[in-house]
Amino acid sequence: MSFENITVAQSMAAERERALVRELEIDRRVALHGRGVRIGGRTRRLPALLARVTHLSTGSAHAVPSA
């Protein structure tokens, strides 16, 4: 494997690790704060979501089950 290939592979592995850490942090926060809703890749707790429901742009949202 060339040095460039090794560097690219390490970079890709680091990005996958960062993505996994982000998802684990989201799961941890949901477990601590209860049920939330994922909107645009972010988890919102229901009270915050309900306070801003009129300001939401169109897009997909789905419930995140509590742990």
C-alpha atoms as a PDB file:
ATOM      1  CA  MET A   1       0.000   0.000   0.000  1.00  0.00           C
ATOM      2  CA  SER A   2       1.429   3.385  -0.930  1.00  0.00           C
ATOM      3  CA  PHE A   3       1.827   6.251   1.511  1.00  0.00           C
ATOM      4  CA  GLU A   4      -1.054   8.129  -0.174  1.00  0.00           C
ATOM      5  CA  ASN A   5      -3.352   5.121   0.152  1.00  0.00           C
ATOM      6  CA  ILE A   6      -2.428   4.720   3.813  1.00  0.00           C
ATOM      7  CA  THR A   7      -3.099   8.414   4.457  1.00  0.00           C
ATOM      8  CA  VAL A   8      -6.486   8.242   2.714  1.00  0.00           C
ATOM      9  CA  ALA A   9      -7.427   5.078   4.612  1.00  0.00           C
ATOM     10  CA  GLN A  10      -6.464   6.687   7.929  1.00  0.00           C
ATOM     11  CA  SER A  11      -8.457   9.803   7.083  1.00  0.00           C
ATOM     12  CA  MET A  12     -11.534   7.762   6.164  1.00  0.00           C
ATOM     13  CA  ALA A  13     -11.229   5.699   9.350  1.00  0.00           C
ATOM     14  CA  ALA A  14     -10.950   8.874  11.437  1.00  0.00           C
ATOM     15  CA  GLU A  15     -14.076  10.333   9.790  1.00  0.00           C
ATOM     16  CA  ARG A  16     -16.030   7.118  10.445  1.00  0.00           C
ATOM     17  CA  GLU A  17     -14.898   7.220  14.062  1.00  0.00           C
ATOM     18  CA  ARG A  18     -16.029  10.861  14.436  1.00  0.00           C
ATOM     19  CA  ALA A  19     -19.429   9.980  12.945  1.00  0.00           C
ATOM     20  CA  LEU A  20     -19.791   7.052  15.340  1.00  0.00           C
ATOM     21  CA  VAL A  21     -18.857   9.236  18.317  1.00  0.00           C
ATOM     22  CA  ARG A  22     -21.462  11.828  17.236  1.00  0.00           C
ATOM     23  CA  GLU A  23     -24.160   9.150  17.000  1.00  0.00           C
ATOM     24  CA  LEU A  24     -23.198   7.691  20.376  1.00  0.00           C
ATOM     25  CA  GLU A  25     -23.354  11.166  21.941  1.00  0.00           C
ATOM     26  CA  ILE A  26     -26.830  11.672  20.465  1.00  0.00           C
ATOM     27  CA  ASP A  27     -27.938   8.313  21.869  1.00  0.00           C
ATOM     28  CA  ARG A  28     -26.476   9.199  25.286  1.00  0.00           C
ATOM     29  CA  ARG A  29     -28.296  12.535  25.368  1.00  0.00           C
ATOM     30  CA  VAL A  30     -31.573  10.925  24.333  1.00  0.00           C
ATOM     31  CA  ALA A  31     -31.161   8.349  27.094  1.00  0.00           C
ATOM     32  CA  LEU A  32     -30.530  11.113  29.643  1.00  0.00           C
ATOM     33  CA  HIS A  33     -33.298  13.452  28.540  1.00  0.00           C
ATOM     34  CA  GLY A  34     -35.943  11.033  27.351  1.00  0.00           C
ATOM     35  CA  ARG A  35     -37.862  10.933  24.128  1.00  0.00           C
ATOM     36  CA  GLY A  36     -36.860  13.324  21.375  1.00  0.00           C
ATOM     37  CA  VAL A  37     -37.357  13.879  17.674  1.00  0.00           C
ATOM     38  CA  ARG A  38     -34.632  13.730  15.029  1.00  0.00           C
ATOM     39  CA  ILE A  39     -34.842  16.625  12.557  1.00  0.00           C
ATOM     40  CA  GLY A  40     -32.177  17.203   9.976  1.00  0.00           C
ATOM     41  CA  GLY A  41     -29.754  14.897  11.761  1.00  0.00           C
ATOM     42  CA  ARG A  42     -30.218  16.574  15.150  1.00  0.00           C
ATOM     43  CA  THR A  43     -32.163  15.305  18.143  1.00  0.00           C
ATOM     44  CA  ARG A  44     -34.615  17.701  19.736  1.00  0.00           C
ATOM     45  CA  ARG A  45     -36.471  17.103  22.966  1.00  0.00           C
ATOM     46  CA  LEU A  46     -40.214  17.374  22.567  1.00  0.00           C
ATOM     47  CA  PRO A  47     -40.765  20.592  24.570  1.00  0.00           C
ATOM     48  CA  ALA A  48     -38.186  22.462  22.457  1.00  0.00           C
ATOM     49  CA  LEU A  49     -39.713  21.029  19.317  1.00  0.00           C
ATOM     50  CA  LEU A  50     -43.245  22.012  20.308  1.00  0.00           C
ATOM     51  CA  ALA A  51     -42.115  25.548  21.115  1.00  0.00           C
ATOM     52  CA  ARG A  52     -40.725  25.924  17.596  1.00  0.00           C
ATOM     53  CA  VAL A  53     -43.147  23.802  15.591  1.00  0.00           C
ATOM     54  CA  THR A  54     -44.421  26.786  13.642  1.00  0.00           C
ATOM     55  CA  HIS A  55     -40.866  27.695  12.606  1.00  0.00           C
ATOM     56  CA  LEU A  56     -39.922  24.308  11.168  1.00  0.00           C
ATOM     57  CA  SER A  57     -39.112  24.062   7.507  1.00  0.00           C
ATOM     58  CA  THR A  58     -40.471  21.162   5.523  1.00  0.00           C
ATOM     59  CA  GLY A  59     -38.397  18.051   5.927  1.00  0.00           C
ATOM     60  CA  SER A  60     -38.419  14.604   7.373  1.00  0.00           C
ATOM     61  CA  ALA A  61     -38.695  14.009  11.087  1.00  0.00           C
ATOM     62  CA  HIS A  62     -39.072  10.799  13.014  1.00  0.00           C
ATOM     63  CA  ALA A  63     -39.436   9.936  16.678  1.00  0.00           C
ATOM     64  CA  VAL A  64     -36.416   8.658  18.575  1.00  0.00           C
ATOM     65  CA  PRO A  65     -37.392   5.931  21.042  1.00  0.00           C
ATOM     66  CA  SER A  66     -36.328   6.483  24.634  1.00  0.00           C
ATOM     67  CA  ALA A  67     -33.705   4.079  25.936  1.00  0.00           C
END
